[in-house]
Amino acid sequence: MSFVILIILFGGMMWFMQRNQKKAAAQRQEQLDNMQPGSEIVTIGGLHGILANVDKTKGTIELDAEGVILTFDRAAVKTVKPVVTTEATEALDGVIGEAKAENVDASETADKQDSPFE
């Protein structure tokens, strides 16, 4: 009887491990399928670059690493960071500019106040 329980537990453990592997493989495949030129890529070797071209027929990608175009297999991709659009960049620059302006105003106000230590 204890042997049957042991087999059931082992089977359940194997089923859960296989399920997690399938989820991870599906997520990785989706990441590779959604690569677009302009995405920031990190390879398994640690090379960071901008995706210049995707050749789905050959299964290769071309990375622009500071002006040098390198060709890799799609399997060499470790991480894909999404393309940053100009709209998002402009919006972020606007928010940063406003924060800097508020910070400058606050520091000028603090400078104008008399210090009790002078």
N, C-alpha and C. Protein backbone atom coordinates (compact mmCIF):
# COMPACT_ATOMS: atom_id res chain seq x y z
N MET A 1 0.82 -1.19 0.00
CA MET A 1 0.00 0.00 0.00
C MET A 1 0.86 1.26 0.00
N SER A 2 1.93 1.28 0.80
CA SER A 2 2.80 2.46 0.84
C SER A 2 3.54 2.63 -0.48
N PHE A 3 3.77 1.52 -1.18
CA PHE A 3 4.44 1.58 -2.48
C PHE A 3 3.56 2.29 -3.50
N VAL A 4 2.25 2.07 -3.44
CA VAL A 4 1.31 2.72 -4.36
C VAL A 4 1.28 4.23 -4.09
N ILE A 5 1.28 4.63 -2.83
CA ILE A 5 1.29 6.05 -2.49
C ILE A 5 2.57 6.71 -2.98
N LEU A 6 3.69 6.02 -2.83
CA LEU A 6 4.96 6.53 -3.30
C LEU A 6 4.96 6.74 -4.81
N ILE A 7 4.40 5.80 -5.54
CA ILE A 7 4.31 5.92 -7.01
C ILE A 7 3.40 7.09 -7.39
N ILE A 8 2.28 7.26 -6.69
CA ILE A 8 1.36 8.36 -6.98
C ILE A 8 2.04 9.71 -6.71
N LEU A 9 2.75 9.82 -5.61
CA LEU A 9 3.47 11.06 -5.30
C LEU A 9 4.54 11.35 -6.34
N PHE A 10 5.27 10.33 -6.73
CA PHE A 10 6.31 10.51 -7.75
C PHE A 10 5.70 10.95 -9.08
N GLY A 11 4.57 10.33 -9.46
CA GLY A 11 3.89 10.71 -10.70
C GLY A 11 3.38 12.14 -10.65
N GLY A 12 2.82 12.54 -9.51
CA GLY A 12 2.34 13.92 -9.36
C GLY A 12 3.48 14.92 -9.46
N MET A 13 4.60 14.59 -8.84
CA MET A 13 5.77 15.47 -8.90
C MET A 13 6.26 15.62 -10.34
N MET A 14 6.31 14.53 -11.07
CA MET A 14 6.75 14.58 -12.46
C MET A 14 5.79 15.41 -13.31
N TRP A 15 4.49 15.27 -13.06
CA TRP A 15 3.50 16.00 -13.83
C TRP A 15 3.65 17.51 -13.60
N PHE A 16 3.83 17.94 -12.34
CA PHE A 16 3.99 19.36 -12.04
C PHE A 16 5.29 19.91 -12.64
N MET A 17 6.36 19.14 -12.60
CA MET A 17 7.63 19.61 -13.18
C MET A 17 7.49 19.77 -14.69
N GLN A 18 6.85 18.84 -15.35
CA GLN A 18 6.66 18.92 -16.79
C GLN A 18 5.79 20.12 -17.15
N ARG A 19 4.77 20.37 -16.35
CA ARG A 19 3.87 21.50 -16.59
C ARG A 19 4.62 22.83 -16.50
N ASN A 20 5.49 22.98 -15.50
CA ASN A 20 6.26 24.21 -15.35
C ASN A 20 7.24 24.39 -16.51
N GLN A 21 7.84 23.31 -16.98
CA GLN A 21 8.76 23.39 -18.12
C GLN A 21 8.02 23.82 -19.38
N LYS A 22 6.81 23.31 -19.58
CA LYS A 22 6.02 23.70 -20.75
C LYS A 22 5.67 25.19 -20.70
N LYS A 23 5.32 25.69 -19.52
CA LYS A 23 4.99 27.12 -19.38
C LYS A 23 6.22 27.98 -19.68
N ALA A 24 7.37 27.59 -19.17
CA ALA A 24 8.59 28.35 -19.40
C ALA A 24 8.97 28.33 -20.87
N ALA A 25 8.82 27.16 -21.52
CA ALA A 25 9.15 27.06 -22.95
C ALA A 25 8.19 27.90 -23.79
N ALA A 26 6.91 27.91 -23.44
CA ALA A 26 5.94 28.72 -24.17
C ALA A 26 6.23 30.21 -24.00
N GLN A 27 6.61 30.62 -22.79
CA GLN A 27 6.92 32.02 -22.54
C GLN A 27 8.16 32.44 -23.33
N ARG A 28 9.17 31.60 -23.36
CA ARG A 28 10.40 31.91 -24.11
C ARG A 28 10.11 31.99 -25.61
N GLN A 29 9.30 31.06 -26.12
CA GLN A 29 8.96 31.08 -27.54
C GLN A 29 8.18 32.35 -27.89
N GLU A 30 7.28 32.77 -27.02
CA GLU A 30 6.53 34.00 -27.25
C GLU A 30 7.48 35.21 -27.26
N GLN A 31 8.46 35.21 -26.36
CA GLN A 31 9.43 36.29 -26.30
C GLN A 31 10.24 36.34 -27.60
N LEU A 32 10.66 35.20 -28.11
CA LEU A 32 11.44 35.16 -29.35
C LEU A 32 10.58 35.56 -30.55
N ASP A 33 9.31 35.18 -30.54
CA ASP A 33 8.43 35.52 -31.66
C ASP A 33 8.08 37.00 -31.69
N ASN A 34 8.11 37.67 -30.55
CA ASN A 34 7.73 39.09 -30.47
C ASN A 34 8.91 40.04 -30.62
N MET A 35 10.09 39.54 -30.99
CA MET A 35 11.25 40.42 -31.18
C MET A 35 11.01 41.30 -32.40
N GLN A 36 11.32 42.58 -32.26
CA GLN A 36 11.19 43.53 -33.35
C GLN A 36 12.47 44.33 -33.47
N PRO A 37 12.82 44.76 -34.68
CA PRO A 37 13.99 45.63 -34.80
C PRO A 37 13.86 46.85 -33.89
N GLY A 38 14.94 47.13 -33.17
CA GLY A 38 14.94 48.23 -32.22
C GLY A 38 14.89 47.73 -30.79
N SER A 39 14.53 46.45 -30.60
CA SER A 39 14.50 45.89 -29.24
C SER A 39 15.91 45.74 -28.72
N GLU A 40 16.06 45.92 -27.41
CA GLU A 40 17.36 45.71 -26.79
C GLU A 40 17.47 44.23 -26.43
N ILE A 41 18.58 43.61 -26.84
CA ILE A 41 18.77 42.17 -26.70
C ILE A 41 20.00 41.91 -25.82
N VAL A 42 19.91 40.88 -24.98
CA VAL A 42 21.05 40.38 -24.23
C VAL A 42 21.20 38.92 -24.63
N THR A 43 22.40 38.55 -25.10
CA THR A 43 22.64 37.16 -25.52
C THR A 43 23.05 36.31 -24.33
N ILE A 44 23.11 35.00 -24.53
CA ILE A 44 23.52 34.10 -23.45
C ILE A 44 24.99 34.29 -23.11
N GLY A 45 25.74 34.92 -24.00
CA GLY A 45 27.14 35.22 -23.73
C GLY A 45 27.35 36.55 -23.02
N GLY A 46 26.24 37.30 -22.81
CA GLY A 46 26.33 38.56 -22.10
C GLY A 46 26.48 39.78 -22.99
N LEU A 47 26.39 39.61 -24.30
CA LEU A 47 26.52 40.74 -25.22
C LEU A 47 25.21 41.51 -25.27
N HIS A 48 25.29 42.82 -25.10
CA HIS A 48 24.12 43.70 -25.17
C HIS A 48 24.15 44.40 -26.51
N GLY A 49 22.99 44.48 -27.17
CA GLY A 49 22.92 45.16 -28.45
C GLY A 49 21.49 45.47 -28.83
N ILE A 50 21.35 46.18 -29.94
CA ILE A 50 20.04 46.55 -30.47
C ILE A 50 19.75 45.64 -31.65
N LEU A 51 18.57 45.08 -31.68
CA LEU A 51 18.18 44.17 -32.75
C LEU A 51 18.04 44.94 -34.06
N ALA A 52 18.83 44.54 -35.06
CA ALA A 52 18.80 45.22 -36.35
C ALA A 52 17.91 44.49 -37.34
N ASN A 53 17.90 43.15 -37.30
CA ASN A 53 17.17 42.37 -38.29
C ASN A 53 16.84 41.00 -37.72
N VAL A 54 15.67 40.45 -38.09
CA VAL A 54 15.28 39.10 -37.71
C VAL A 54 15.03 38.32 -38.99
N ASP A 55 15.75 37.21 -39.18
CA ASP A 55 15.56 36.34 -40.34
C ASP A 55 14.92 35.05 -39.84
N LYS A 56 13.59 34.97 -39.97
CA LYS A 56 12.87 33.81 -39.45
C LYS A 56 13.10 32.56 -40.27
N THR A 57 13.44 32.71 -41.55
CA THR A 57 13.68 31.52 -42.38
C THR A 57 14.97 30.82 -42.00
N LYS A 58 16.02 31.59 -41.69
CA LYS A 58 17.30 31.01 -41.26
C LYS A 58 17.36 30.81 -39.76
N GLY A 59 16.48 31.47 -39.02
CA GLY A 59 16.50 31.38 -37.57
C GLY A 59 17.63 32.18 -36.95
N THR A 60 17.97 33.31 -37.58
CA THR A 60 19.06 34.14 -37.08
C THR A 60 18.57 35.56 -36.81
N ILE A 61 19.37 36.27 -36.04
CA ILE A 61 19.12 37.68 -35.79
C ILE A 61 20.43 38.43 -36.02
N GLU A 62 20.31 39.72 -36.29
CA GLU A 62 21.48 40.57 -36.41
C GLU A 62 21.40 41.64 -35.33
N LEU A 63 22.47 41.74 -34.54
CA LEU A 63 22.55 42.72 -33.47
C LEU A 63 23.50 43.84 -33.85
N ASP A 64 23.11 45.05 -33.51
CA ASP A 64 23.97 46.21 -33.69
C ASP A 64 24.57 46.52 -32.32
N ALA A 65 25.85 46.18 -32.16
CA ALA A 65 26.55 46.43 -30.90
C ALA A 65 27.54 47.56 -31.12
N GLU A 66 27.10 48.79 -30.89
CA GLU A 66 27.91 49.99 -31.06
C GLU A 66 28.49 50.10 -32.46
N GLY A 67 27.64 49.88 -33.46
CA GLY A 67 28.05 50.04 -34.85
C GLY A 67 28.57 48.77 -35.50
N VAL A 68 28.77 47.71 -34.75
CA VAL A 68 29.24 46.44 -35.30
C VAL A 68 28.03 45.51 -35.40
N ILE A 69 27.77 45.02 -36.62
CA ILE A 69 26.63 44.12 -36.83
C ILE A 69 27.11 42.69 -36.66
N LEU A 70 26.47 41.97 -35.74
CA LEU A 70 26.82 40.59 -35.44
C LEU A 70 25.61 39.70 -35.69
N THR A 71 25.84 38.49 -36.21
CA THR A 71 24.77 37.56 -36.50
C THR A 71 24.78 36.44 -35.47
N PHE A 72 23.60 36.13 -34.91
CA PHE A 72 23.45 35.08 -33.91
C PHE A 72 22.25 34.21 -34.25
N ASP A 73 22.25 32.99 -33.75
CA ASP A 73 21.04 32.16 -33.79
C ASP A 73 20.03 32.75 -32.84
N ARG A 74 18.75 32.53 -33.13
CA ARG A 74 17.71 33.03 -32.22
C ARG A 74 17.82 32.36 -30.86
N ALA A 75 18.36 31.16 -30.81
CA ALA A 75 18.49 30.44 -29.54
C ALA A 75 19.51 31.11 -28.62
N ALA A 76 20.36 31.99 -29.15
CA ALA A 76 21.38 32.66 -28.34
C ALA A 76 20.82 33.84 -27.56
N VAL A 77 19.55 34.16 -27.76
CA VAL A 77 18.94 35.30 -27.08
C VAL A 77 18.54 34.88 -25.67
N LYS A 78 18.99 35.66 -24.70
CA LYS A 78 18.63 35.39 -23.30
C LYS A 78 17.47 36.29 -22.86
N THR A 79 17.58 37.58 -23.16
CA THR A 79 16.58 38.55 -22.71
C THR A 79 16.23 39.49 -23.86
N VAL A 80 14.95 39.81 -23.97
CA VAL A 80 14.48 40.80 -24.94
C VAL A 80 13.79 41.90 -24.17
N LYS A 81 14.32 43.11 -24.29
CA LYS A 81 13.67 44.27 -23.70
C LYS A 81 12.87 44.93 -24.80
N PRO A 82 11.62 45.31 -24.55
CA PRO A 82 10.76 45.84 -25.61
C PRO A 82 11.28 47.15 -26.18
N VAL A 83 10.81 47.44 -27.38
CA VAL A 83 11.19 48.68 -28.07
C VAL A 83 10.64 49.85 -27.29
N VAL A 84 11.48 50.85 -27.04
CA VAL A 84 11.04 52.07 -26.37
C VAL A 84 10.61 53.05 -27.46
N THR A 85 9.34 53.42 -27.45
CA THR A 85 8.83 54.33 -28.48
C THR A 85 9.24 55.76 -28.16
N THR A 86 9.23 56.59 -29.17
CA THR A 86 9.59 57.99 -28.98
C THR A 86 8.56 58.71 -28.12
N GLU A 87 7.29 58.29 -28.21
CA GLU A 87 6.25 58.92 -27.39
C GLU A 87 6.52 58.67 -25.91
N ALA A 88 6.88 57.43 -25.59
CA ALA A 88 7.17 57.11 -24.18
C ALA A 88 8.41 57.86 -23.71
N THR A 89 9.41 57.96 -24.58
CA THR A 89 10.63 58.68 -24.22
C THR A 89 10.35 60.15 -23.99
N GLU A 90 9.55 60.75 -24.88
CA GLU A 90 9.21 62.17 -24.73
C GLU A 90 8.40 62.41 -23.46
N ALA A 91 7.46 61.51 -23.16
CA ALA A 91 6.66 61.66 -21.94
C ALA A 91 7.55 61.55 -20.71
N LEU A 92 8.48 60.61 -20.73
CA LEU A 92 9.39 60.44 -19.60
C LEU A 92 10.29 61.66 -19.46
N ASP A 93 10.79 62.19 -20.58
CA ASP A 93 11.62 63.40 -20.53
C ASP A 93 10.84 64.58 -19.94
N GLY A 94 9.56 64.70 -20.29
CA GLY A 94 8.73 65.77 -19.76
C GLY A 94 8.56 65.67 -18.25
N VAL A 95 8.32 64.46 -17.77
CA VAL A 95 8.15 64.25 -16.33
C VAL A 95 9.46 64.55 -15.60
N ILE A 96 10.57 64.11 -16.15
CA ILE A 96 11.87 64.35 -15.53
C ILE A 96 12.17 65.86 -15.51
N GLY A 97 11.86 66.55 -16.61
CA GLY A 97 12.08 67.99 -16.66
C GLY A 97 11.26 68.74 -15.64
N GLU A 98 10.00 68.34 -15.46
CA GLU A 98 9.15 68.98 -14.45
C GLU A 98 9.69 68.74 -13.05
N ALA A 99 10.14 67.53 -12.79
CA ALA A 99 10.68 67.20 -11.46
C ALA A 99 11.94 68.02 -11.18
N LYS A 100 12.80 68.17 -12.20
CA LYS A 100 14.02 68.96 -12.02
C LYS A 100 13.66 70.42 -11.76
N ALA A 101 12.67 70.95 -12.47
CA ALA A 101 12.27 72.35 -12.28
C ALA A 101 11.72 72.55 -10.87
N GLU A 102 10.93 71.60 -10.38
CA GLU A 102 10.40 71.72 -9.02
C GLU A 102 11.53 71.63 -8.00
N ASN A 103 12.50 70.79 -8.26
CA ASN A 103 13.64 70.64 -7.35
C ASN A 103 14.46 71.92 -7.30
N VAL A 104 14.67 72.56 -8.45
CA VAL A 104 15.42 73.82 -8.50
C VAL A 104 14.67 74.91 -7.75
N ASP A 105 13.34 74.98 -7.96
CA ASP A 105 12.53 75.97 -7.25
C ASP A 105 12.61 75.76 -5.74
N ALA A 106 12.55 74.51 -5.31
CA ALA A 106 12.60 74.21 -3.88
C ALA A 106 13.96 74.57 -3.30
N SER A 107 15.04 74.32 -4.03
CA SER A 107 16.36 74.65 -3.51
C SER A 107 16.58 76.16 -3.47
N GLU A 108 16.03 76.90 -4.44
CA GLU A 108 16.14 78.36 -4.42
C GLU A 108 15.38 78.93 -3.23
N THR A 109 14.22 78.37 -2.92
CA THR A 109 13.44 78.82 -1.78
C THR A 109 14.19 78.55 -0.48
N ALA A 110 14.82 77.40 -0.41
CA ALA A 110 15.59 77.05 0.79
C ALA A 110 16.79 77.97 0.94
N ASP A 111 17.42 78.37 -0.15
CA ASP A 111 18.57 79.27 -0.10
C ASP A 111 18.17 80.67 0.38
N LYS A 112 16.95 81.11 0.04
CA LYS A 112 16.50 82.45 0.39
C LYS A 112 16.16 82.56 1.87
N GLN A 113 15.82 81.45 2.52
CA GLN A 113 15.47 81.51 3.93
C GLN A 113 16.74 81.76 4.75
N ASP A 114 16.56 82.52 5.81
CA ASP A 114 17.70 82.81 6.68
C ASP A 114 18.02 81.59 7.52
N SER A 115 19.28 81.29 7.61
CA SER A 115 19.72 80.17 8.41
C SER A 115 19.93 80.64 9.84
N PRO A 116 19.51 79.88 10.84
CA PRO A 116 19.70 80.29 12.23
C PRO A 116 21.15 80.19 12.65
N PHE A 117 22.00 79.58 11.85
CA PHE A 117 23.39 79.38 12.21
C PHE A 117 24.30 80.47 11.67
N GLU A 118 23.78 81.43 10.94
CA GLU A 118 24.63 82.48 10.37
C GLU A 118 24.80 83.62 11.33
